[in-house]
Amino acid sequence: MARFMFVYHAPMTPDDATPPTAEETQEVMGRWMAWADQVGERMIDFGTPLAGGVQVTPDGERPSTQDVAGYTILEADDMDAAVALARTHPHLQMPGGCTIEVHEAQPLPGM
């Protein structure tokens, strides 16, 4: 099986946005955990939310302007199977046009 990284994209939350209630958070996390149960032992790293990125270039650093919200690493037979898992992910049901990028991890030569 190959490994795939899901990169979650979501619009940046405005500073003045009302935070979700504990019940709303629990409901969303319940959907994520149900999806993780569906993936089962193919889950390598559930991942975590990401925030406050810094883009590093040869010329220095600056705040990231990307909308990367988190990641997951899992195993699947091929890209089609990984995309099929992404299509059932609850992240796609979140408001604001959330998306998932699916990347296949490539083996390092000589490793």
C-alpha atoms as a PDB file:
ATOM      1  CA  MET A   1       0.000   0.000   0.000  1.00  0.00           C
ATOM      2  CA  ALA A   2       1.080   3.539  -0.684  1.00  0.00           C
ATOM      3  CA  ARG A   3       0.976   6.424   1.787  1.00  0.00           C
ATOM      4  CA  PHE A   4      -1.002   9.564   1.098  1.00  0.00           C
ATOM      5  CA  MET A   5      -1.108  12.939   2.776  1.00  0.00           C
ATOM      6  CA  PHE A   6      -4.382  14.814   2.964  1.00  0.00           C
ATOM      7  CA  VAL A   7      -3.835  18.572   3.235  1.00  0.00           C
ATOM      8  CA  TYR A   8      -6.942  20.323   4.509  1.00  0.00           C
ATOM      9  CA  HIS A   9      -7.704  23.825   3.254  1.00  0.00           C
ATOM     10  CA  ALA A  10     -10.236  26.141   4.863  1.00  0.00           C
ATOM     11  CA  PRO A  11     -10.846  29.872   4.694  1.00  0.00           C
ATOM     12  CA  MET A  12      -9.199  31.853   7.442  1.00  0.00           C
ATOM     13  CA  THR A  13     -11.539  32.544  10.353  1.00  0.00           C
ATOM     14  CA  PRO A  14     -12.088  36.270  10.886  1.00  0.00           C
ATOM     15  CA  ASP A  15     -10.733  37.587  14.193  1.00  0.00           C
ATOM     16  CA  ASP A  16     -14.204  38.762  15.187  1.00  0.00           C
ATOM     17  CA  ALA A  17     -15.909  35.413  14.447  1.00  0.00           C
ATOM     18  CA  THR A  18     -17.946  33.837  17.223  1.00  0.00           C
ATOM     19  CA  PRO A  19     -16.173  30.674  18.407  1.00  0.00           C
ATOM     20  CA  PRO A  20     -18.143  27.426  18.103  1.00  0.00           C
ATOM     21  CA  THR A  21     -19.955  26.156  21.152  1.00  0.00           C
ATOM     22  CA  ALA A  22     -18.746  23.048  22.953  1.00  0.00           C
ATOM     23  CA  GLU A  23     -21.692  21.153  21.481  1.00  0.00           C
ATOM     24  CA  GLU A  24     -20.865  22.280  17.926  1.00  0.00           C
ATOM     25  CA  THR A  25     -17.232  21.283  18.387  1.00  0.00           C
ATOM     26  CA  GLN A  26     -18.224  17.886  19.763  1.00  0.00           C
ATOM     27  CA  GLU A  27     -20.601  17.285  16.839  1.00  0.00           C
ATOM     28  CA  VAL A  28     -17.928  18.147  14.248  1.00  0.00           C
ATOM     29  CA  MET A  29     -15.304  16.017  15.994  1.00  0.00           C
ATOM     30  CA  GLY A  30     -17.787  13.154  16.129  1.00  0.00           C
ATOM     31  CA  ARG A  31     -18.015  13.251  12.328  1.00  0.00           C
ATOM     32  CA  TRP A  32     -14.209  13.312  12.033  1.00  0.00           C
ATOM     33  CA  MET A  33     -13.853  10.354  14.415  1.00  0.00           C
ATOM     34  CA  ALA A  34     -16.506   8.376  12.505  1.00  0.00           C
ATOM     35  CA  TRP A  35     -14.502   8.982   9.318  1.00  0.00           C
ATOM     36  CA  ALA A  36     -11.295   7.874  11.089  1.00  0.00           C
ATOM     37  CA  ASP A  37     -13.079   4.685  12.189  1.00  0.00           C
ATOM     38  CA  GLN A  38     -13.996   4.087   8.525  1.00  0.00           C
ATOM     39  CA  VAL A  39     -10.313   4.407   7.545  1.00  0.00           C
ATOM     40  CA  GLY A  40      -9.355   2.055  10.364  1.00  0.00           C
ATOM     41  CA  GLU A  41      -5.841   0.627  10.476  1.00  0.00           C
ATOM     42  CA  ARG A  42      -4.928   2.446   7.269  1.00  0.00           C
ATOM     43  CA  MET A  43      -4.661   5.646   9.361  1.00  0.00           C
ATOM     44  CA  ILE A  44      -0.967   6.384   9.906  1.00  0.00           C
ATOM     45  CA  ASP A  45      -1.298   9.828  11.505  1.00  0.00           C
ATOM     46  CA  PHE A  46      -4.701  11.391  12.244  1.00  0.00           C
ATOM     47  CA  GLY A  47      -2.982  14.781  12.111  1.00  0.00           C
ATOM     48  CA  THR A  48      -3.863  17.985  13.868  1.00  0.00           C
ATOM     49  CA  PRO A  49      -5.221  21.429  13.088  1.00  0.00           C
ATOM     50  CA  LEU A  50      -2.583  23.890  11.914  1.00  0.00           C
ATOM     51  CA  ALA A  51      -2.387  27.653  12.414  1.00  0.00           C
ATOM     52  CA  GLY A  52       0.058  30.533  12.368  1.00  0.00           C
ATOM     53  CA  GLY A  53       2.233  29.260   9.524  1.00  0.00           C
ATOM     54  CA  VAL A  54       5.479  30.935   8.546  1.00  0.00           C
ATOM     55  CA  GLN A  55       6.717  30.815   4.964  1.00  0.00           C
ATOM     56  CA  VAL A  56      10.516  30.514   4.830  1.00  0.00           C
ATOM     57  CA  THR A  57      12.307  31.605   1.653  1.00  0.00           C
ATOM     58  CA  PRO A  58      15.959  32.207   0.789  1.00  0.00           C
ATOM     59  CA  ASP A  59      15.237  35.893   1.457  1.00  0.00           C
ATOM     60  CA  GLY A  60      13.721  35.464   4.919  1.00  0.00           C
ATOM     61  CA  GLU A  61      10.431  34.647   6.577  1.00  0.00           C
ATOM     62  CA  ARG A  62       6.910  36.017   6.393  1.00  0.00           C
ATOM     63  CA  PRO A  63       3.518  34.936   7.678  1.00  0.00           C
ATOM     64  CA  SER A  64       1.982  32.250   5.494  1.00  0.00           C
ATOM     65  CA  THR A  65      -0.972  33.392   3.434  1.00  0.00           C
ATOM     66  CA  GLN A  66      -2.035  29.832   2.667  1.00  0.00           C
ATOM     67  CA  ASP A  67      -5.276  28.459   4.005  1.00  0.00           C
ATOM     68  CA  VAL A  68      -3.769  25.181   5.234  1.00  0.00           C
ATOM     69  CA  ALA A  69      -5.883  24.017   8.156  1.00  0.00           C
ATOM     70  CA  GLY A  70      -4.466  20.562   8.940  1.00  0.00           C
ATOM     71  CA  TYR A  71      -3.286  17.221   7.597  1.00  0.00           C
ATOM     72  CA  THR A  72      -3.742  13.457   7.804  1.00  0.00           C
ATOM     73  CA  ILE A  73      -1.468  10.637   6.617  1.00  0.00           C
ATOM     74  CA  LEU A  74      -3.007   7.315   5.628  1.00  0.00           C
ATOM     75  CA  GLU A  75      -2.462   4.250   3.484  1.00  0.00           C
ATOM     76  CA  ALA A  76      -4.499   3.331   0.424  1.00  0.00           C
ATOM     77  CA  ASP A  77      -4.102   0.965  -2.498  1.00  0.00           C
ATOM     78  CA  ASP A  78      -3.712   3.808  -4.995  1.00  0.00           C
ATOM     79  CA  MET A  79      -4.627   7.430  -5.704  1.00  0.00           C
ATOM     80  CA  ASP A  80      -8.178   6.490  -6.706  1.00  0.00           C
ATOM     81  CA  ALA A  81      -8.739   4.766  -3.351  1.00  0.00           C
ATOM     82  CA  ALA A  82      -7.245   7.734  -1.465  1.00  0.00           C
ATOM     83  CA  VAL A  83      -9.454  10.194  -3.377  1.00  0.00           C
ATOM     84  CA  ALA A  84     -12.487   8.017  -2.617  1.00  0.00           C
ATOM     85  CA  LEU A  85     -11.684   8.325   1.105  1.00  0.00           C
ATOM     86  CA  ALA A  86     -11.256  12.095   0.745  1.00  0.00           C
ATOM     87  CA  ARG A  87     -14.648  12.397  -0.944  1.00  0.00           C
ATOM     88  CA  THR A  88     -16.322  10.971   2.192  1.00  0.00           C
ATOM     89  CA  HIS A  89     -14.414  13.252   4.590  1.00  0.00           C
ATOM     90  CA  PRO A  90     -16.511  15.575   6.794  1.00  0.00           C
ATOM     91  CA  HIS A  91     -14.071  18.449   6.143  1.00  0.00           C
ATOM     92  CA  LEU A  92     -15.789  18.888   2.777  1.00  0.00           C
ATOM     93  CA  GLN A  93     -19.081  19.576   4.570  1.00  0.00           C
ATOM     94  CA  MET A  94     -17.709  22.489   6.573  1.00  0.00           C
ATOM     95  CA  PRO A  95     -18.797  26.000   5.546  1.00  0.00           C
ATOM     96  CA  GLY A  96     -16.718  28.335   3.428  1.00  0.00           C
ATOM     97  CA  GLY A  97     -15.603  26.099   0.583  1.00  0.00           C
ATOM     98  CA  CYS A  98     -13.255  23.730   2.410  1.00  0.00           C
ATOM     99  CA  THR A  99     -11.144  21.446   0.217  1.00  0.00           C
ATOM    100  CA  ILE A 100      -8.694  18.560   0.555  1.00  0.00           C
ATOM    101  CA  GLU A 101      -5.513  18.053  -1.455  1.00  0.00           C
ATOM    102  CA  VAL A 102      -4.388  14.426  -1.768  1.00  0.00           C
ATOM    103  CA  HIS A 103      -0.660  13.792  -2.320  1.00  0.00           C
ATOM    104  CA  GLU A 104       1.074  10.431  -2.688  1.00  0.00           C
ATOM    105  CA  ALA A 105       4.218  10.094  -0.586  1.00  0.00           C
ATOM    106  CA  GLN A 106       7.099   9.097  -2.810  1.00  0.00           C
ATOM    107  CA  PRO A 107       9.857   6.769  -1.610  1.00  0.00           C
ATOM    108  CA  LEU A 108      13.253   8.338  -1.147  1.00  0.00           C
ATOM    109  CA  PRO A 109      15.930   6.798  -3.365  1.00  0.00           C
ATOM    110  CA  GLY A 110      18.289   4.615  -1.363  1.00  0.00           C
ATOM    111  CA  MET A 111      16.147   4.634   1.784  1.00  0.00           C
END
